Amino acid sequence: MLEVGVFHNGASSLPVITTKDGVTLNDGSLAQVHQAAQETLVNQVRQGILAEKLGFQSFWPCSLPMRRSIWRAG
């Protein structure tokens, strides 16, 4: 049997900056980062619903705070 699943990496809509120490992070205030995290979570849920409607067997959001499978058809 072949299972087909979907991964969602939880990419932010904020611009990315690299610090002088080589650390890459989102560029935004605490409020902007919080809003972007909320949007990412909503997008992950929407993509999971769409994946289920399209017949995918599983969906894995890969970003914090959701590191486990939201659903698994079965």
PDB file of N, CA and C in Angstrom:
ATOM      1  N   MET A   1       0.836  -1.166   0.000  1.00  0.00           N
ATOM      2  CA  MET A   1       0.000   0.000   0.000  1.00  0.00           C
ATOM      3  C   MET A   1       0.891   1.243   0.000  1.00  0.00           C
ATOM      4  N   LEU A   2       0.456   2.256  -0.713  1.00  0.00           N
ATOM      5  CA  LEU A   2       1.177   3.524  -0.789  1.00  0.00           C
ATOM      6  C   LEU A   2       0.382   4.579  -0.039  1.00  0.00           C
ATOM      7  N   GLU A   3       1.017   5.218   0.921  1.00  0.00           N
ATOM      8  CA  GLU A   3       0.388   6.330   1.630  1.00  0.00           C
ATOM      9  C   GLU A   3       0.978   7.624   1.116  1.00  0.00           C
ATOM     10  N   VAL A   4       0.121   8.602   0.888  1.00  0.00           N
ATOM     11  CA  VAL A   4       0.573   9.913   0.438  1.00  0.00           C
ATOM     12  C   VAL A   4       0.177  10.930   1.496  1.00  0.00           C
ATOM     13  N   GLY A   5       1.154  11.704   1.954  1.00  0.00           N
ATOM     14  CA  GLY A   5       0.889  12.686   2.998  1.00  0.00           C
ATOM     15  C   GLY A   5       1.379  14.068   2.601  1.00  0.00           C
ATOM     16  N   VAL A   6       1.073  15.035   3.443  1.00  0.00           N
ATOM     17  CA  VAL A   6       1.442  16.423   3.203  1.00  0.00           C
ATOM     18  C   VAL A   6       2.201  16.945   4.420  1.00  0.00           C
ATOM     19  N   PHE A   7       3.307  17.641   4.196  1.00  0.00           N
ATOM     20  CA  PHE A   7       4.040  18.329   5.249  1.00  0.00           C
ATOM     21  C   PHE A   7       3.823  19.827   5.090  1.00  0.00           C
ATOM     22  N   HIS A   8       3.709  20.538   6.199  1.00  0.00           N
ATOM     23  CA  HIS A   8       3.606  22.002   6.177  1.00  0.00           C
ATOM     24  C   HIS A   8       4.702  22.531   7.078  1.00  0.00           C
ATOM     25  N   ASN A   9       5.646  23.280   6.517  1.00  0.00           N
ATOM     26  CA  ASN A   9       6.803  23.710   7.298  1.00  0.00           C
ATOM     27  C   ASN A   9       6.545  24.948   8.144  1.00  0.00           C
ATOM     28  N   GLY A  10       5.397  25.551   8.012  1.00  0.00           N
ATOM     29  CA  GLY A  10       5.064  26.678   8.873  1.00  0.00           C
ATOM     30  C   GLY A  10       5.856  27.939   8.597  1.00  0.00           C
ATOM     31  N   ALA A  11       6.171  28.202   7.347  1.00  0.00           N
ATOM     32  CA  ALA A  11       6.948  29.383   6.998  1.00  0.00           C
ATOM     33  C   ALA A  11       6.197  30.660   7.365  1.00  0.00           C
ATOM     34  N   SER A  12       6.925  31.634   7.853  1.00  0.00           N
ATOM     35  CA  SER A  12       6.350  32.916   8.249  1.00  0.00           C
ATOM     36  C   SER A  12       6.273  33.852   7.043  1.00  0.00           C
ATOM     37  N   SER A  13       5.336  34.776   7.109  1.00  0.00           N
ATOM     38  CA  SER A  13       5.209  35.782   6.053  1.00  0.00           C
ATOM     39  C   SER A  13       6.120  36.982   6.308  1.00  0.00           C
ATOM     40  N   LEU A  14       6.791  37.002   7.448  1.00  0.00           N
ATOM     41  CA  LEU A  14       7.678  38.130   7.776  1.00  0.00           C
ATOM     42  C   LEU A  14       8.991  38.039   7.011  1.00  0.00           C
ATOM     43  N   PRO A  15       9.612  39.193   6.752  1.00  0.00           N
ATOM     44  CA  PRO A  15      10.936  39.148   6.118  1.00  0.00           C
ATOM     45  C   PRO A  15      11.956  38.504   7.057  1.00  0.00           C
ATOM     46  N   VAL A  16      13.001  37.955   6.477  1.00  0.00           N
ATOM     47  CA  VAL A  16      14.040  37.262   7.245  1.00  0.00           C
ATOM     48  C   VAL A  16      15.298  38.118   7.273  1.00  0.00           C
ATOM     49  N   ILE A  17      15.938  38.162   8.443  1.00  0.00           N
ATOM     50  CA  ILE A  17      17.222  38.859   8.570  1.00  0.00           C
ATOM     51  C   ILE A  17      18.244  37.892   9.158  1.00  0.00           C
ATOM     52  N   THR A  18      19.500  38.175   8.935  1.00  0.00           N
ATOM     53  CA  THR A  18      20.587  37.402   9.535  1.00  0.00           C
ATOM     54  C   THR A  18      21.395  38.345  10.417  1.00  0.00           C
ATOM     55  N   THR A  19      21.582  37.958  11.673  1.00  0.00           N
ATOM     56  CA  THR A  19      22.332  38.799  12.603  1.00  0.00           C
ATOM     57  C   THR A  19      23.821  38.741  12.276  1.00  0.00           C
ATOM     58  N   LYS A  20      24.582  39.616  12.914  1.00  0.00           N
ATOM     59  CA  LYS A  20      26.034  39.621  12.694  1.00  0.00           C
ATOM     60  C   LYS A  20      26.683  38.329  13.162  1.00  0.00           C
ATOM     61  N   ASP A  21      25.990  37.586  14.044  1.00  0.00           N
ATOM     62  CA  ASP A  21      26.494  36.300  14.526  1.00  0.00           C
ATOM     63  C   ASP A  21      26.085  35.136  13.628  1.00  0.00           C
ATOM     64  N   GLY A  22      25.355  35.436  12.535  1.00  0.00           N
ATOM     65  CA  GLY A  22      24.961  34.399  11.597  1.00  0.00           C
ATOM     66  C   GLY A  22      23.654  33.701  11.929  1.00  0.00           C
ATOM     67  N   VAL A  23      22.891  34.263  12.877  1.00  0.00           N
ATOM     68  CA  VAL A  23      21.598  33.681  13.239  1.00  0.00           C
ATOM     69  C   VAL A  23      20.519  34.276  12.333  1.00  0.00           C
ATOM     70  N   THR A  24      19.726  33.417  11.711  1.00  0.00           N
ATOM     71  CA  THR A  24      18.650  33.872  10.829  1.00  0.00           C
ATOM     72  C   THR A  24      17.338  33.848  11.584  1.00  0.00           C
ATOM     73  N   LEU A  25      16.600  34.951  11.510  1.00  0.00           N
ATOM     74  CA  LEU A  25      15.336  35.040  12.226  1.00  0.00           C
ATOM     75  C   LEU A  25      14.374  35.983  11.519  1.00  0.00           C
ATOM     76  N   ASN A  26      13.114  35.932  11.950  1.00  0.00           N
ATOM     77  CA  ASN A  26      12.110  36.818  11.377  1.00  0.00           C
ATOM     78  C   ASN A  26      12.342  38.244  11.848  1.00  0.00           C
ATOM     79  N   ASP A  27      12.133  39.204  10.952  1.00  0.00           N
ATOM     80  CA  ASP A  27      12.306  40.612  11.272  1.00  0.00           C
ATOM     81  C   ASP A  27      10.946  41.208  11.593  1.00  0.00           C
ATOM     82  N   GLY A  28      10.698  41.489  12.866  1.00  0.00           N
ATOM     83  CA  GLY A  28       9.433  42.083  13.264  1.00  0.00           C
ATOM     84  C   GLY A  28       9.369  42.278  14.758  1.00  0.00           C
ATOM     85  N   SER A  29       8.428  43.104  15.167  1.00  0.00           N
ATOM     86  CA  SER A  29       8.205  43.320  16.592  1.00  0.00           C
ATOM     87  C   SER A  29       7.549  42.076  17.190  1.00  0.00           C
ATOM     88  N   LEU A  30       7.446  42.052  18.505  1.00  0.00           N
ATOM     89  CA  LEU A  30       6.791  40.928  19.169  1.00  0.00           C
ATOM     90  C   LEU A  30       5.361  40.775  18.665  1.00  0.00           C
ATOM     91  N   ALA A  31       4.652  41.879  18.514  1.00  0.00           N
ATOM     92  CA  ALA A  31       3.269  41.830  18.031  1.00  0.00           C
ATOM     93  C   ALA A  31       3.199  41.289  16.599  1.00  0.00           C
ATOM     94  N   GLN A  32       4.132  41.694  15.744  1.00  0.00           N
ATOM     95  CA  GLN A  32       4.155  41.211  14.357  1.00  0.00           C
ATOM     96  C   GLN A  32       4.478  39.715  14.297  1.00  0.00           C
ATOM     97  N   VAL A  33       5.434  39.278  15.112  1.00  0.00           N
ATOM     98  CA  VAL A  33       5.795  37.859  15.142  1.00  0.00           C
ATOM     99  C   VAL A  33       4.628  37.031  15.668  1.00  0.00           C
ATOM    100  N   HIS A  34       3.946  37.542  16.683  1.00  0.00           N
ATOM    101  CA  HIS A  34       2.777  36.849  17.236  1.00  0.00           C
ATOM    102  C   HIS A  34       1.677  36.724  16.179  1.00  0.00           C
ATOM    103  N   GLN A  35       1.391  37.805  15.466  1.00  0.00           N
ATOM    104  CA  GLN A  35       0.382  37.779  14.413  1.00  0.00           C
ATOM    105  C   GLN A  35       0.766  36.796  13.308  1.00  0.00           C
ATOM    106  N   ALA A  36       2.026  36.796  12.906  1.00  0.00           N
ATOM    107  CA  ALA A  36       2.486  35.872  11.863  1.00  0.00           C
ATOM    108  C   ALA A  36       2.353  34.420  12.320  1.00  0.00           C
ATOM    109  N   ALA A  37       2.636  34.147  13.596  1.00  0.00           N
ATOM    110  CA  ALA A  37       2.494  32.787  14.127  1.00  0.00           C
ATOM    111  C   ALA A  37       1.030  32.352  14.113  1.00  0.00           C
ATOM    112  N   GLN A  38       0.127  33.263  14.449  1.00  0.00           N
ATOM    113  CA  GLN A  38      -1.298  32.952  14.391  1.00  0.00           C
ATOM    114  C   GLN A  38      -1.733  32.647  12.955  1.00  0.00           C
ATOM    115  N   GLU A  39      -1.269  33.459  12.007  1.00  0.00           N
ATOM    116  CA  GLU A  39      -1.605  33.232  10.592  1.00  0.00           C
ATOM    117  C   GLU A  39      -1.062  31.893  10.111  1.00  0.00           C
ATOM    118  N   THR A  40       0.145  31.548  10.537  1.00  0.00           N
ATOM    119  CA  THR A  40       0.750  30.273  10.149  1.00  0.00           C
ATOM    120  C   THR A  40      -0.083  29.106  10.660  1.00  0.00           C
ATOM    121  N   LEU A  41      -0.529  29.192  11.900  1.00  0.00           N
ATOM    122  CA  LEU A  41      -1.342  28.128  12.474  1.00  0.00           C
ATOM    123  C   LEU A  41      -2.657  27.976  11.712  1.00  0.00           C
ATOM    124  N   VAL A  42      -3.298  29.096  11.390  1.00  0.00           N
ATOM    125  CA  VAL A  42      -4.548  29.049  10.610  1.00  0.00           C
ATOM    126  C   VAL A  42      -4.277  28.426   9.245  1.00  0.00           C
ATOM    127  N   ASN A  43      -3.176  28.807   8.609  1.00  0.00           N
ATOM    128  CA  ASN A  43      -2.831  28.249   7.295  1.00  0.00           C
ATOM    129  C   ASN A  43      -2.579  26.741   7.376  1.00  0.00           C
ATOM    130  N   GLN A  44      -1.951  26.284   8.456  1.00  0.00           N
ATOM    131  CA  GLN A  44      -1.708  24.853   8.617  1.00  0.00           C
ATOM    132  C   GLN A  44      -3.027  24.091   8.740  1.00  0.00           C
ATOM    133  N   VAL A  45      -3.958  24.627   9.507  1.00  0.00           N
ATOM    134  CA  VAL A  45      -5.255  23.964   9.665  1.00  0.00           C
ATOM    135  C   VAL A  45      -5.994  23.946   8.335  1.00  0.00           C
ATOM    136  N   ARG A  46      -5.983  25.073   7.621  1.00  0.00           N
ATOM    137  CA  ARG A  46      -6.646  25.126   6.308  1.00  0.00           C
ATOM    138  C   ARG A  46      -6.041  24.124   5.333  1.00  0.00           C
ATOM    139  N   GLN A  47      -4.711  24.021   5.326  1.00  0.00           N
ATOM    140  CA  GLN A  47      -4.066  23.075   4.423  1.00  0.00           C
ATOM    141  C   GLN A  47      -4.387  21.641   4.823  1.00  0.00           C
ATOM    142  N   GLY A  48      -4.476  21.368   6.112  1.00  0.00           N
ATOM    143  CA  GLY A  48      -4.850  20.031   6.565  1.00  0.00           C
ATOM    144  C   GLY A  48      -6.254  19.656   6.126  1.00  0.00           C
ATOM    145  N   ILE A  49      -7.187  20.593   6.224  1.00  0.00           N
ATOM    146  CA  ILE A  49      -8.561  20.355   5.772  1.00  0.00           C
ATOM    147  C   ILE A  49      -8.587  20.107   4.278  1.00  0.00           C
ATOM    148  N   LEU A  50      -7.853  20.923   3.513  1.00  0.00           N
ATOM    149  CA  LEU A  50      -7.794  20.732   2.065  1.00  0.00           C
ATOM    150  C   LEU A  50      -7.156  19.394   1.709  1.00  0.00           C
ATOM    151  N   ALA A  51      -6.098  19.013   2.419  1.00  0.00           N
ATOM    152  CA  ALA A  51      -5.439  17.725   2.149  1.00  0.00           C
ATOM    153  C   ALA A  51      -6.418  16.578   2.352  1.00  0.00           C
ATOM    154  N   GLU A  52      -7.215  16.668   3.412  1.00  0.00           N
ATOM    155  CA  GLU A  52      -8.199  15.616   3.663  1.00  0.00           C
ATOM    156  C   GLU A  52      -9.241  15.564   2.542  1.00  0.00           C
ATOM    157  N   LYS A  53      -9.715  16.739   2.116  1.00  0.00           N
ATOM    158  CA  LYS A  53     -10.703  16.793   1.032  1.00  0.00           C
ATOM    159  C   LYS A  53     -10.142  16.230  -0.270  1.00  0.00           C
ATOM    160  N   LEU A  54      -8.831  16.406  -0.478  1.00  0.00           N
ATOM    161  CA  LEU A  54      -8.197  15.920  -1.710  1.00  0.00           C
ATOM    162  C   LEU A  54      -7.784  14.454  -1.620  1.00  0.00           C
ATOM    163  N   GLY A  55      -7.982  13.827  -0.463  1.00  0.00           N
ATOM    164  CA  GLY A  55      -7.730  12.404  -0.334  1.00  0.00           C
ATOM    165  C   GLY A  55      -6.372  11.994   0.200  1.00  0.00           C
ATOM    166  N   PHE A  56      -5.580  12.950   0.710  1.00  0.00           N
ATOM    167  CA  PHE A  56      -4.304  12.582   1.312  1.00  0.00           C
ATOM    168  C   PHE A  56      -4.554  11.801   2.597  1.00  0.00           C
ATOM    169  N   GLN A  57      -3.692  10.820   2.893  1.00  0.00           N
ATOM    170  CA  GLN A  57      -3.886   9.972   4.056  1.00  0.00           C
ATOM    171  C   GLN A  57      -3.430  10.615   5.367  1.00  0.00           C
ATOM    172  N   SER A  58      -2.512  11.573   5.293  1.00  0.00           N
ATOM    173  CA  SER A  58      -2.013  12.173   6.525  1.00  0.00           C
ATOM    174  C   SER A  58      -1.491  13.577   6.271  1.00  0.00           C
ATOM    175  N   PHE A  59      -1.365  14.348   7.364  1.00  0.00           N
ATOM    176  CA  PHE A  59      -0.879  15.721   7.301  1.00  0.00           C
ATOM    177  C   PHE A  59      -0.001  15.963   8.516  1.00  0.00           C
ATOM    178  N   TRP A  60       1.191  16.506   8.288  1.00  0.00           N
ATOM    179  CA  TRP A  60       2.128  16.773   9.379  1.00  0.00           C
ATOM    180  C   TRP A  60       2.559  18.229   9.363  1.00  0.00           C
ATOM    181  N   PRO A  61       2.097  19.032  10.330  1.00  0.00           N
ATOM    182  CA  PRO A  61       2.660  20.371  10.474  1.00  0.00           C
ATOM    183  C   PRO A  61       4.018  20.240  11.145  1.00  0.00           C
ATOM    184  N   CYS A  62       5.010  20.923  10.636  1.00  0.00           N
ATOM    185  CA  CYS A  62       6.386  20.696  11.096  1.00  0.00           C
ATOM    186  C   CYS A  62       6.934  21.827  11.952  1.00  0.00           C
ATOM    187  N   SER A  63       6.165  22.881  12.173  1.00  0.00           N
ATOM    188  CA  SER A  63       6.709  24.005  12.926  1.00  0.00           C
ATOM    189  C   SER A  63       6.173  24.019  14.348  1.00  0.00           C
ATOM    190  N   LEU A  64       6.859  24.756  15.211  1.00  0.00           N
ATOM    191  CA  LEU A  64       6.357  24.938  16.565  1.00  0.00           C
ATOM    192  C   LEU A  64       5.119  25.797  16.494  1.00  0.00           C
ATOM    193  N   PRO A  65       4.138  25.635  17.341  1.00  0.00           N
ATOM    194  CA  PRO A  65       4.105  24.720  18.468  1.00  0.00           C
ATOM    195  C   PRO A  65       3.529  23.358  18.122  1.00  0.00           C
ATOM    196  N   MET A  66       3.267  23.097  16.859  1.00  0.00           N
ATOM    197  CA  MET A  66       2.579  21.860  16.499  1.00  0.00           C
ATOM    198  C   MET A  66       3.539  20.907  15.805  1.00  0.00           C
ATOM    199  N   ARG A  67       4.133  19.997  16.537  1.00  0.00           N
ATOM    200  CA  ARG A  67       5.104  19.080  15.970  1.00  0.00           C
ATOM    201  C   ARG A  67       4.560  17.672  15.807  1.00  0.00           C
ATOM    202  N   ARG A  68       3.296  17.479  16.055  1.00  0.00           N
ATOM    203  CA  ARG A  68       2.745  16.143  15.875  1.00  0.00           C
ATOM    204  C   ARG A  68       1.631  16.199  14.835  1.00  0.00           C
ATOM    205  N   SER A  69       1.233  15.062  14.374  1.00  0.00           N
ATOM    206  CA  SER A  69       0.213  14.990  13.346  1.00  0.00           C
ATOM    207  C   SER A  69      -1.110  15.527  13.854  1.00  0.00           C
ATOM    208  N   ILE A  70      -1.745  16.402  13.075  1.00  0.00           N
ATOM    209  CA  ILE A  70      -3.073  16.908  13.428  1.00  0.00           C
ATOM    210  C   ILE A  70      -4.106  15.816  13.206  1.00  0.00           C
ATOM    211  N   TRP A  71      -4.007  15.132  12.112  1.00  0.00           N
ATOM    212  CA  TRP A  71      -4.962  14.071  11.838  1.00  0.00           C
ATOM    213  C   TRP A  71      -4.321  12.992  11.010  1.00  0.00           C
ATOM    214  N   ARG A  72      -4.913  11.873  11.059  1.00  0.00           N
ATOM    215  CA  ARG A  72      -4.457  10.745  10.253  1.00  0.00           C
ATOM    216  C   ARG A  72      -5.701   9.959   9.874  1.00  0.00           C
ATOM    217  N   ALA A  73      -5.959   9.879   8.582  1.00  0.00           N
ATOM    218  CA  ALA A  73      -7.145   9.163   8.106  1.00  0.00           C
ATOM    219  C   ALA A  73      -7.017   7.696   8.462  1.00  0.00           C
ATOM    220  N   GLY A  74      -8.134   7.096   8.777  1.00  0.00           N
ATOM    221  CA  GLY A  74      -7.920   5.725   9.050  1.00  0.00           C
ATOM    222  C   GLY A  74      -9.046   4.911   9.427  1.00  0.00           C
TER     223      GLY A  74
END
